């Protein structure tokens, strides 16, 4: 996925530095899929219920260090590097349609011997989680969406906001507030990893917005968490749309939180996820 060994070495060093922040013992390995080797990190008791985590765009599964300590006390946590995204997974087949991602995730579940699992995703990871719940509902026990990228169209100005991360004359706090809506010192290692100079062969696919009918078809119990300072779309509009169409929905807008919810409000996010998962269906 890298054009030069030097670029890969720089990125892997930054990746491993972020992984060092995980507060619990972790197993890291690859599983084969029809789309290429997929890298993931696993923690928690082997006999605990499974919880699969999908990261946001351009970040990688390393981003879950504020959450895995709490979540892995009760669940067997699987954090996946999305194929074609920044990370250690290797794409051997173009991922073009949402169905391609479902094929890939089906292979991942099969290789992990997971018939069913709880599934959570942030931003672009929310697209993956929701797509899996729509296309393979038997695989998903409960669905957790954090700032999902496919609930509404992404504002074009969001991409201009992201450019603030590389402006040298802005402070780190101002950069984060412009790009992500809120400032959290906890996210600094991930931003450093994301901005590491590499020559990665990026294969990002912009998530298509779910139709009304698709949202109606989500029969899985769903938790939706948004930040009041969300930057990719208007959170109140997104919340209203989700409440209108998703049948079994719990939803909340968190004060003082931006797009990167798991960094801005990690204790609240962990608490809400655990309360939702532990509740009788």
C-alpha atoms as a PDB file:
ATOM      1  CA  UNK A   1       0.000   0.000   0.000  1.00  0.00           C
ATOM      2  CA  UNK A   2       3.090   2.265   0.090  1.00  0.00           C
ATOM      3  CA  UNK A   3       5.096   3.361  -2.932  1.00  0.00           C
ATOM      4  CA  UNK A   4       8.421   3.315  -1.055  1.00  0.00           C
ATOM      5  CA  UNK A   5       9.850   1.335   1.891  1.00  0.00           C
ATOM      6  CA  UNK A   6      10.818   4.630   3.521  1.00  0.00           C
ATOM      7  CA  UNK A   7       7.248   5.901   3.513  1.00  0.00           C
ATOM      8  CA  UNK A   8       5.981   2.645   4.950  1.00  0.00           C
ATOM      9  CA  UNK A   9       8.638   2.669   7.678  1.00  0.00           C
ATOM     10  CA  UNK A  10       7.736   6.232   8.719  1.00  0.00           C
ATOM     11  CA  UNK A  11       4.056   5.439   8.869  1.00  0.00           C
ATOM     12  CA  UNK A  12       4.455   2.129  10.693  1.00  0.00           C
ATOM     13  CA  UNK A  13       6.638   3.846  13.315  1.00  0.00           C
ATOM     14  CA  UNK A  14       3.910   6.438  13.922  1.00  0.00           C
ATOM     15  CA  UNK A  15       1.251   3.712  13.913  1.00  0.00           C
ATOM     16  CA  UNK A  16       3.144   1.638  16.491  1.00  0.00           C
ATOM     17  CA  UNK A  17       3.685   4.710  18.680  1.00  0.00           C
ATOM     18  CA  UNK A  18      -0.077   5.229  18.822  1.00  0.00           C
ATOM     19  CA  UNK A  19      -0.692   1.546  19.524  1.00  0.00           C
ATOM     20  CA  UNK A  20       1.628   1.875  22.537  1.00  0.00           C
ATOM     21  CA  UNK A  21      -1.097   4.044  24.117  1.00  0.00           C
ATOM     22  CA  UNK A  22      -3.532   1.125  24.332  1.00  0.00           C
ATOM     23  CA  UNK A  23      -4.024   0.567  28.065  1.00  0.00           C
ATOM     24  CA  UNK A  24      -4.670  -3.193  27.883  1.00  0.00           C
ATOM     25  CA  UNK A  25      -2.810  -6.231  26.509  1.00  0.00           C
ATOM     26  CA  UNK A  26      -3.569  -6.677  22.815  1.00  0.00           C
ATOM     27  CA  UNK A  27      -3.067  -9.312  20.128  1.00  0.00           C
ATOM     28  CA  UNK A  28      -2.328  -7.947  16.647  1.00  0.00           C
ATOM     29  CA  UNK A  29      -2.461 -10.095  13.519  1.00  0.00           C
ATOM     30  CA  UNK A  30      -3.684 -10.366   9.919  1.00  0.00           C
ATOM     31  CA  UNK A  31      -6.533 -12.425   8.500  1.00  0.00           C
ATOM     32  CA  UNK A  32      -6.879 -13.308   4.785  1.00  0.00           C
ATOM     33  CA  UNK A  33      -9.849 -11.972   2.799  1.00  0.00           C
ATOM     34  CA  UNK A  34     -10.825 -11.881  -0.866  1.00  0.00           C
ATOM     35  CA  UNK A  35      -9.854  -8.178  -0.841  1.00  0.00           C
ATOM     36  CA  UNK A  36      -6.444  -8.638   0.782  1.00  0.00           C
ATOM     37  CA  UNK A  37      -4.815  -9.274   4.179  1.00  0.00           C
ATOM     38  CA  UNK A  38      -6.674  -7.413   6.921  1.00  0.00           C
ATOM     39  CA  UNK A  39      -4.889  -6.239  10.069  1.00  0.00           C
ATOM     40  CA  UNK A  40      -6.661  -6.065  13.408  1.00  0.00           C
ATOM     41  CA  UNK A  41      -6.108  -5.755  17.150  1.00  0.00           C
ATOM     42  CA  UNK A  42      -7.945  -7.909  19.682  1.00  0.00           C
ATOM     43  CA  UNK A  43      -8.302  -7.503  23.438  1.00  0.00           C
ATOM     44  CA  UNK A  44     -10.566  -8.706  26.217  1.00  0.00           C
ATOM     45  CA  UNK A  45     -11.515 -12.154  27.461  1.00  0.00           C
ATOM     46  CA  UNK A  46     -11.774 -14.803  24.744  1.00  0.00           C
ATOM     47  CA  UNK A  47     -15.173 -15.979  25.985  1.00  0.00           C
ATOM     48  CA  UNK A  48     -16.660 -12.464  26.219  1.00  0.00           C
ATOM     49  CA  UNK A  49     -19.299 -11.277  23.719  1.00  0.00           C
ATOM     50  CA  UNK A  50     -17.669  -9.869  20.547  1.00  0.00           C
ATOM     51  CA  UNK A  51     -17.593  -6.146  19.728  1.00  0.00           C
ATOM     52  CA  UNK A  52     -16.126  -5.091  16.358  1.00  0.00           C
ATOM     53  CA  UNK A  53     -14.854  -1.500  15.940  1.00  0.00           C
ATOM     54  CA  UNK A  54     -14.448   0.387  12.650  1.00  0.00           C
ATOM     55  CA  UNK A  55     -12.319   3.542  12.571  1.00  0.00           C
ATOM     56  CA  UNK A  56     -12.739   6.858  10.778  1.00  0.00           C
ATOM     57  CA  UNK A  57     -11.162   7.774   7.447  1.00  0.00           C
ATOM     58  CA  UNK A  58      -7.388   8.333   7.218  1.00  0.00           C
ATOM     59  CA  UNK A  59      -6.772   7.282  10.829  1.00  0.00           C
ATOM     60  CA  UNK A  60      -6.636   3.475  11.455  1.00  0.00           C
ATOM     61  CA  UNK A  61      -7.747   1.185  14.254  1.00  0.00           C
ATOM     62  CA  UNK A  62      -5.134   2.670  16.582  1.00  0.00           C
ATOM     63  CA  UNK A  63      -7.649   5.465  17.314  1.00  0.00           C
ATOM     64  CA  UNK A  64      -9.579   3.416  19.886  1.00  0.00           C
ATOM     65  CA  UNK A  65      -7.111   3.798  22.785  1.00  0.00           C
ATOM     66  CA  UNK A  66      -9.470   6.057  24.801  1.00  0.00           C
ATOM     67  CA  UNK A  67     -12.137   3.347  24.681  1.00  0.00           C
ATOM     68  CA  UNK A  68     -10.699  -0.173  24.613  1.00  0.00           C
ATOM     69  CA  UNK A  69      -9.780  -0.198  28.306  1.00  0.00           C
ATOM     70  CA  UNK A  70     -13.395   0.189  29.385  1.00  0.00           C
ATOM     71  CA  UNK A  71     -14.981  -1.805  26.554  1.00  0.00           C
ATOM     72  CA  UNK A  72     -12.674  -4.809  26.851  1.00  0.00           C
ATOM     73  CA  UNK A  73     -13.581  -5.338  30.511  1.00  0.00           C
ATOM     74  CA  UNK A  74     -16.901  -6.776  29.340  1.00  0.00           C
ATOM     75  CA  UNK A  75     -16.415  -7.543  25.642  1.00  0.00           C
ATOM     76  CA  UNK A  76     -13.950  -9.218  23.325  1.00  0.00           C
ATOM     77  CA  UNK A  77     -12.949  -6.187  21.227  1.00  0.00           C
ATOM     78  CA  UNK A  78     -11.853  -6.492  17.579  1.00  0.00           C
ATOM     79  CA  UNK A  79     -10.475  -3.242  16.096  1.00  0.00           C
ATOM     80  CA  UNK A  80     -10.089  -3.557  12.322  1.00  0.00           C
ATOM     81  CA  UNK A  81      -7.871  -1.612   9.894  1.00  0.00           C
ATOM     82  CA  UNK A  82     -10.225  -0.807   7.024  1.00  0.00           C
ATOM     83  CA  UNK A  83      -8.995  -2.159   3.715  1.00  0.00           C
ATOM     84  CA  UNK A  84      -7.781   0.620   1.380  1.00  0.00           C
ATOM     85  CA  UNK A  85      -7.480   3.112   4.258  1.00  0.00           C
ATOM     86  CA  UNK A  86      -4.379   4.252   6.121  1.00  0.00           C
ATOM     87  CA  UNK A  87      -3.257   1.348   8.294  1.00  0.00           C
ATOM     88  CA  UNK A  88      -1.647  -2.059   7.975  1.00  0.00           C
ATOM     89  CA  UNK A  89      -4.283  -3.830   5.890  1.00  0.00           C
ATOM     90  CA  UNK A  90      -3.287  -4.438   2.253  1.00  0.00           C
ATOM     91  CA  UNK A  91      -5.859  -3.964  -0.509  1.00  0.00           C
ATOM     92  CA  UNK A  92      -5.468  -6.350  -3.446  1.00  0.00           C
ATOM     93  CA  UNK A  93      -8.821  -5.512  -5.059  1.00  0.00           C
ATOM     94  CA  UNK A  94     -10.433  -2.095  -5.622  1.00  0.00           C
ATOM     95  CA  UNK A  95     -13.257  -1.319  -3.201  1.00  0.00           C
ATOM     96  CA  UNK A  96     -15.808   0.548  -5.296  1.00  0.00           C
ATOM     97  CA  UNK A  97     -19.330  -0.303  -4.151  1.00  0.00           C
ATOM     98  CA  UNK A  98     -20.802  -0.685  -0.647  1.00  0.00           C
ATOM     99  CA  UNK A  99     -21.300  -4.371  -1.489  1.00  0.00           C
ATOM    100  CA  UNK A 100     -17.521  -4.753  -1.839  1.00  0.00           C
ATOM    101  CA  UNK A 101     -17.101  -3.742   1.793  1.00  0.00           C
ATOM    102  CA  UNK A 102     -19.785  -6.204   2.881  1.00  0.00           C
ATOM    103  CA  UNK A 103     -17.958  -9.009   1.035  1.00  0.00           C
ATOM    104  CA  UNK A 104     -14.748  -8.028   2.794  1.00  0.00           C
ATOM    105  CA  UNK A 105     -16.372  -7.812   6.229  1.00  0.00           C
ATOM    106  CA  UNK A 106     -18.067 -11.178   5.726  1.00  0.00           C
ATOM    107  CA  UNK A 107     -14.632 -12.681   5.139  1.00  0.00           C
ATOM    108  CA  UNK A 108     -13.248 -10.972   8.249  1.00  0.00           C
ATOM    109  CA  UNK A 109     -16.100 -12.339  10.376  1.00  0.00           C
ATOM    110  CA  UNK A 110     -15.656 -15.810   8.897  1.00  0.00           C
ATOM    111  CA  UNK A 111     -11.909 -15.828   9.558  1.00  0.00           C
ATOM    112  CA  UNK A 112     -12.506 -14.714  13.156  1.00  0.00           C
ATOM    113  CA  UNK A 113     -15.257 -17.337  13.492  1.00  0.00           C
ATOM    114  CA  UNK A 114     -17.772 -14.688  14.451  1.00  0.00           C
ATOM    115  CA  UNK A 115     -21.301 -15.657  13.523  1.00  0.00           C
ATOM    116  CA  UNK A 116     -22.660 -12.487  15.125  1.00  0.00           C
ATOM    117  CA  UNK A 117     -21.165  -9.487  16.909  1.00  0.00           C
ATOM    118  CA  UNK A 118     -21.961  -6.062  18.232  1.00  0.00           C
ATOM    119  CA  UNK A 119     -20.637  -3.510  15.748  1.00  0.00           C
ATOM    120  CA  UNK A 120     -19.538   0.112  16.261  1.00  0.00           C
ATOM    121  CA  UNK A 121     -18.105   2.682  13.890  1.00  0.00           C
ATOM    122  CA  UNK A 122     -16.974   6.304  13.913  1.00  0.00           C
ATOM    123  CA  UNK A 123     -17.528   8.528  10.849  1.00  0.00           C
ATOM    124  CA  UNK A 124     -16.530   6.424   7.809  1.00  0.00           C
ATOM    125  CA  UNK A 125     -16.520   3.468  10.196  1.00  0.00           C
ATOM    126  CA  UNK A 126     -20.164   4.260  10.877  1.00  0.00           C
ATOM    127  CA  UNK A 127     -20.806   3.779   7.170  1.00  0.00           C
ATOM    128  CA  UNK A 128     -19.219   0.311   7.363  1.00  0.00           C
ATOM    129  CA  UNK A 129     -21.176  -0.646  10.481  1.00  0.00           C
ATOM    130  CA  UNK A 130     -24.479   0.551   9.045  1.00  0.00           C
ATOM    131  CA  UNK A 131     -23.828  -1.114   5.681  1.00  0.00           C
ATOM    132  CA  UNK A 132     -23.144  -4.421   7.404  1.00  0.00           C
ATOM    133  CA  UNK A 133     -26.363  -4.120   9.426  1.00  0.00           C
ATOM    134  CA  UNK A 134     -28.304  -3.451   6.230  1.00  0.00           C
ATOM    135  CA  UNK A 135     -26.732  -6.129   4.031  1.00  0.00           C
ATOM    136  CA  UNK A 136     -26.021  -8.866   6.579  1.00  0.00           C
ATOM    137  CA  UNK A 137     -28.385  -8.185   9.510  1.00  0.00           C
ATOM    138  CA  UNK A 138     -27.923 -11.679  10.912  1.00  0.00           C
ATOM    139  CA  UNK A 139     -24.288 -10.763  11.624  1.00  0.00           C
ATOM    140  CA  UNK A 140     -25.059  -7.711  13.782  1.00  0.00           C
ATOM    141  CA  UNK A 141     -26.475  -8.011  17.289  1.00  0.00           C
ATOM    142  CA  UNK A 142     -26.465  -4.299  18.149  1.00  0.00           C
ATOM    143  CA  UNK A 143     -25.306  -1.306  16.116  1.00  0.00           C
ATOM    144  CA  UNK A 144     -23.429   1.736  17.458  1.00  0.00           C
ATOM    145  CA  UNK A 145     -22.995   4.797  15.226  1.00  0.00           C
ATOM    146  CA  UNK A 146     -20.675   7.633  16.271  1.00  0.00           C
ATOM    147  CA  UNK A 147     -20.871  10.645  13.927  1.00  0.00           C
ATOM    148  CA  UNK A 148     -21.702   8.323  10.986  1.00  0.00           C
ATOM    149  CA  UNK A 149     -20.587   9.729   7.636  1.00  0.00           C
ATOM    150  CA  UNK A 150     -23.580   8.445   5.659  1.00  0.00           C
ATOM    151  CA  UNK A 151     -26.506   9.840   7.629  1.00  0.00           C
ATOM    152  CA  UNK A 152     -26.509  13.146   5.690  1.00  0.00           C
ATOM    153  CA  UNK A 153     -24.430  14.590   2.872  1.00  0.00           C
ATOM    154  CA  UNK A 154     -21.057  15.827   4.087  1.00  0.00           C
ATOM    155  CA  UNK A 155     -20.701  19.592   3.922  1.00  0.00           C
ATOM    156  CA  UNK A 156     -18.150  20.578   1.229  1.00  0.00           C
ATOM    157  CA  UNK A 157     -16.566  23.054   3.643  1.00  0.00           C
ATOM    158  CA  UNK A 158     -15.582  20.156   5.908  1.00  0.00           C
ATOM    159  CA  UNK A 159     -12.747  19.290   3.525  1.00  0.00           C
ATOM    160  CA  UNK A 160     -11.497  22.878   3.694  1.00  0.00           C
ATOM    161  CA  UNK A 161     -11.650  22.631   7.484  1.00  0.00           C
ATOM    162  CA  UNK A 162      -9.370  19.589   7.384  1.00  0.00           C
ATOM    163  CA  UNK A 163      -6.747  21.687   5.607  1.00  0.00           C
ATOM    164  CA  UNK A 164      -6.323  23.618   8.864  1.00  0.00           C
ATOM    165  CA  UNK A 165      -4.443  20.633  10.305  1.00  0.00           C
ATOM    166  CA  UNK A 166      -1.398  21.407   8.125  1.00  0.00           C
ATOM    167  CA  UNK A 167      -1.313  25.197   8.552  1.00  0.00           C
ATOM    168  CA  UNK A 168       1.911  25.996  10.457  1.00  0.00           C
ATOM    169  CA  UNK A 169       0.798  29.368  11.847  1.00  0.00           C
ATOM    170  CA  UNK A 170      -2.130  27.951  13.841  1.00  0.00           C
ATOM    171  CA  UNK A 171      -1.850  26.467  17.318  1.00  0.00           C
ATOM    172  CA  UNK A 172      -2.761  22.769  17.759  1.00  0.00           C
ATOM    173  CA  UNK A 173      -5.871  23.777  19.678  1.00  0.00           C
ATOM    174  CA  UNK A 174      -7.116  26.112  16.952  1.00  0.00           C
ATOM    175  CA  UNK A 175      -6.349  23.509  14.253  1.00  0.00           C
ATOM    176  CA  UNK A 176      -8.440  20.875  16.018  1.00  0.00           C
ATOM    177  CA  UNK A 177     -11.321  23.225  16.701  1.00  0.00           C
ATOM    178  CA  UNK A 178     -11.484  24.245  13.039  1.00  0.00           C
ATOM    179  CA  UNK A 179     -11.042  20.763  11.584  1.00  0.00           C
ATOM    180  CA  UNK A 180     -12.996  18.653  14.063  1.00  0.00           C
ATOM    181  CA  UNK A 181     -15.223  21.062  15.967  1.00  0.00           C
ATOM    182  CA  UNK A 182     -13.659  20.624  19.407  1.00  0.00           C
ATOM    183  CA  UNK A 183     -10.239  20.471  21.038  1.00  0.00           C
ATOM    184  CA  UNK A 184      -9.004  17.375  22.846  1.00  0.00           C
ATOM    185  CA  UNK A 185      -5.335  16.826  23.784  1.00  0.00           C
ATOM    186  CA  UNK A 186      -6.004  13.068  23.658  1.00  0.00           C
ATOM    187  CA  UNK A 187      -6.257  13.079  19.865  1.00  0.00           C
ATOM    188  CA  UNK A 188      -2.799  14.599  19.252  1.00  0.00           C
ATOM    189  CA  UNK A 189      -1.004  11.229  18.727  1.00  0.00           C
ATOM    190  CA  UNK A 190      -3.579  10.167  16.130  1.00  0.00           C
ATOM    191  CA  UNK A 191      -3.264  13.459  14.262  1.00  0.00           C
ATOM    192  CA  UNK A 192       0.530  13.055  14.228  1.00  0.00           C
ATOM    193  CA  UNK A 193       0.066   9.555  12.829  1.00  0.00           C
ATOM    194  CA  UNK A 194      -2.398  10.794  10.201  1.00  0.00           C
ATOM    195  CA  UNK A 195      -0.077  13.619   9.098  1.00  0.00           C
ATOM    196  CA  UNK A 196       3.079  11.498   8.934  1.00  0.00           C
ATOM    197  CA  UNK A 197       4.697  12.041   5.498  1.00  0.00           C
ATOM    198  CA  UNK A 198       4.113   8.863   3.498  1.00  0.00           C
ATOM    199  CA  UNK A 199       3.421   7.851  -0.066  1.00  0.00           C
ATOM    200  CA  UNK A 200       0.425   5.711   0.779  1.00  0.00           C
ATOM    201  CA  UNK A 201      -1.705   4.448  -2.117  1.00  0.00           C
ATOM    202  CA  UNK A 202      -4.947   5.793  -0.732  1.00  0.00           C
ATOM    203  CA  UNK A 203      -8.191   4.183  -1.943  1.00  0.00           C
ATOM    204  CA  UNK A 204     -10.794   6.186  -0.033  1.00  0.00           C
ATOM    205  CA  UNK A 205     -14.407   5.679  -1.064  1.00  0.00           C
ATOM    206  CA  UNK A 206     -16.801   8.483  -0.114  1.00  0.00           C
ATOM    207  CA  UNK A 207     -19.712   6.875   1.772  1.00  0.00           C
ATOM    208  CA  UNK A 208     -23.029   7.235  -0.091  1.00  0.00           C
ATOM    209  CA  UNK A 209     -25.827   8.758   1.966  1.00  0.00           C
ATOM    210  CA  UNK A 210     -28.387   6.227   3.139  1.00  0.00           C
ATOM    211  CA  UNK A 211     -31.812   6.571   1.577  1.00  0.00           C
ATOM    212  CA  UNK A 212     -34.950   6.873   3.703  1.00  0.00           C
ATOM    213  CA  UNK A 213     -35.893   3.332   2.774  1.00  0.00           C
ATOM    214  CA  UNK A 214     -32.488   1.975   3.784  1.00  0.00           C
ATOM    215  CA  UNK A 215     -32.793   3.610   7.199  1.00  0.00           C
ATOM    216  CA  UNK A 216     -36.263   2.081   7.603  1.00  0.00           C
ATOM    217  CA  UNK A 217     -34.724  -1.330   6.951  1.00  0.00           C
ATOM    218  CA  UNK A 218     -32.334  -1.086   9.914  1.00  0.00           C
ATOM    219  CA  UNK A 219     -34.022  -3.581  12.250  1.00  0.00           C
ATOM    220  CA  UNK A 220     -31.011  -3.908  14.557  1.00  0.00           C
ATOM    221  CA  UNK A 221     -31.185  -2.066  17.899  1.00  0.00           C
ATOM    222  CA  UNK A 222     -29.152   1.079  17.227  1.00  0.00           C
ATOM    223  CA  UNK A 223     -27.348   3.680  19.326  1.00  0.00           C
ATOM    224  CA  UNK A 224     -26.547   6.990  17.614  1.00  0.00           C
ATOM    225  CA  UNK A 225     -24.244   9.516  19.289  1.00  0.00           C
ATOM    226  CA  UNK A 226     -23.492  12.930  17.798  1.00  0.00           C
ATOM    227  CA  UNK A 227     -21.571  15.959  19.016  1.00  0.00           C
ATOM    228  CA  UNK A 228     -23.209  19.369  19.306  1.00  0.00           C
ATOM    229  CA  UNK A 229     -20.128  20.778  17.513  1.00  0.00           C
ATOM    230  CA  UNK A 230     -20.287  18.304  14.634  1.00  0.00           C
ATOM    231  CA  UNK A 231     -18.617  19.661  11.481  1.00  0.00           C
ATOM    232  CA  UNK A 232     -19.560  17.199   8.715  1.00  0.00           C
ATOM    233  CA  UNK A 233     -23.282  18.077   8.866  1.00  0.00           C
ATOM    234  CA  UNK A 234     -25.875  19.722  11.130  1.00  0.00           C
ATOM    235  CA  UNK A 235     -26.247  17.353  14.127  1.00  0.00           C
ATOM    236  CA  UNK A 236     -29.837  18.327  14.929  1.00  0.00           C
ATOM    237  CA  UNK A 237     -30.877  17.616  11.331  1.00  0.00           C
ATOM    238  CA  UNK A 238     -29.070  14.278  11.388  1.00  0.00           C
ATOM    239  CA  UNK A 239     -30.680  13.360  14.702  1.00  0.00           C
ATOM    240  CA  UNK A 240     -34.158  14.231  13.434  1.00  0.00           C
ATOM    241  CA  UNK A 241     -33.669  12.148  10.282  1.00  0.00           C
ATOM    242  CA  UNK A 242     -32.442   9.136  12.254  1.00  0.00           C
ATOM    243  CA  UNK A 243     -35.345   9.360  14.707  1.00  0.00           C
ATOM    244  CA  UNK A 244     -37.805   9.589  11.838  1.00  0.00           C
ATOM    245  CA  UNK A 245     -36.651   6.487   9.982  1.00  0.00           C
ATOM    246  CA  UNK A 246     -34.577   4.084  12.145  1.00  0.00           C
ATOM    247  CA  UNK A 247     -37.076   1.870  14.019  1.00  0.00           C
ATOM    248  CA  UNK A 248     -35.162   0.754  17.160  1.00  0.00           C
ATOM    249  CA  UNK A 249     -33.120   3.849  17.901  1.00  0.00           C
ATOM    250  CA  UNK A 250     -31.562   5.425  20.964  1.00  0.00           C
ATOM    251  CA  UNK A 251     -29.942   8.742  20.106  1.00  0.00           C
ATOM    252  CA  UNK A 252     -28.267  11.658  21.825  1.00  0.00           C
ATOM    253  CA  UNK A 253     -26.318  14.819  21.049  1.00  0.00           C
ATOM    254  CA  UNK A 254     -23.387  15.257  23.424  1.00  0.00           C
ATOM    255  CA  UNK A 255     -22.517  18.775  24.657  1.00  0.00           C
ATOM    256  CA  UNK A 256     -19.022  20.143  23.958  1.00  0.00           C
ATOM    257  CA  UNK A 257     -18.211  17.299  21.556  1.00  0.00           C
ATOM    258  CA  UNK A 258     -17.179  17.576  17.916  1.00  0.00           C
ATOM    259  CA  UNK A 259     -16.685  14.984  15.198  1.00  0.00           C
ATOM    260  CA  UNK A 260     -14.113  12.895  17.093  1.00  0.00           C
ATOM    261  CA  UNK A 261     -16.515  11.882  19.861  1.00  0.00           C
ATOM    262  CA  UNK A 262     -14.418   9.094  21.310  1.00  0.00           C
ATOM    263  CA  UNK A 263     -11.626  11.586  22.067  1.00  0.00           C
ATOM    264  CA  UNK A 264     -13.752  14.570  23.094  1.00  0.00           C
ATOM    265  CA  UNK A 265     -15.948  12.686  25.580  1.00  0.00           C
ATOM    266  CA  UNK A 266     -14.359   9.230  26.099  1.00  0.00           C
ATOM    267  CA  UNK A 267     -15.857   8.542  29.529  1.00  0.00           C
ATOM    268  CA  UNK A 268     -19.364   9.416  28.360  1.00  0.00           C
ATOM    269  CA  UNK A 269     -18.950   7.479  25.108  1.00  0.00           C
ATOM    270  CA  UNK A 270     -17.748   4.392  26.964  1.00  0.00           C
ATOM    271  CA  UNK A 271     -20.577   4.665  29.479  1.00  0.00           C
ATOM    272  CA  UNK A 272     -23.259   5.095  26.816  1.00  0.00           C
ATOM    273  CA  UNK A 273     -21.945   2.190  24.738  1.00  0.00           C
ATOM    274  CA  UNK A 274     -21.753  -0.160  27.714  1.00  0.00           C
ATOM    275  CA  UNK A 275     -25.205   0.820  28.982  1.00  0.00           C
ATOM    276  CA  UNK A 276     -26.647   0.210  25.517  1.00  0.00           C
ATOM    277  CA  UNK A 277     -24.913  -3.141  25.016  1.00  0.00           C
ATOM    278  CA  UNK A 278     -25.683  -4.417  28.506  1.00  0.00           C
ATOM    279  CA  UNK A 279     -29.373  -3.591  28.198  1.00  0.00           C
ATOM    280  CA  UNK A 280     -31.765  -6.425  27.458  1.00  0.00           C
ATOM    281  CA  UNK A 281     -32.768  -6.367  23.795  1.00  0.00           C
END
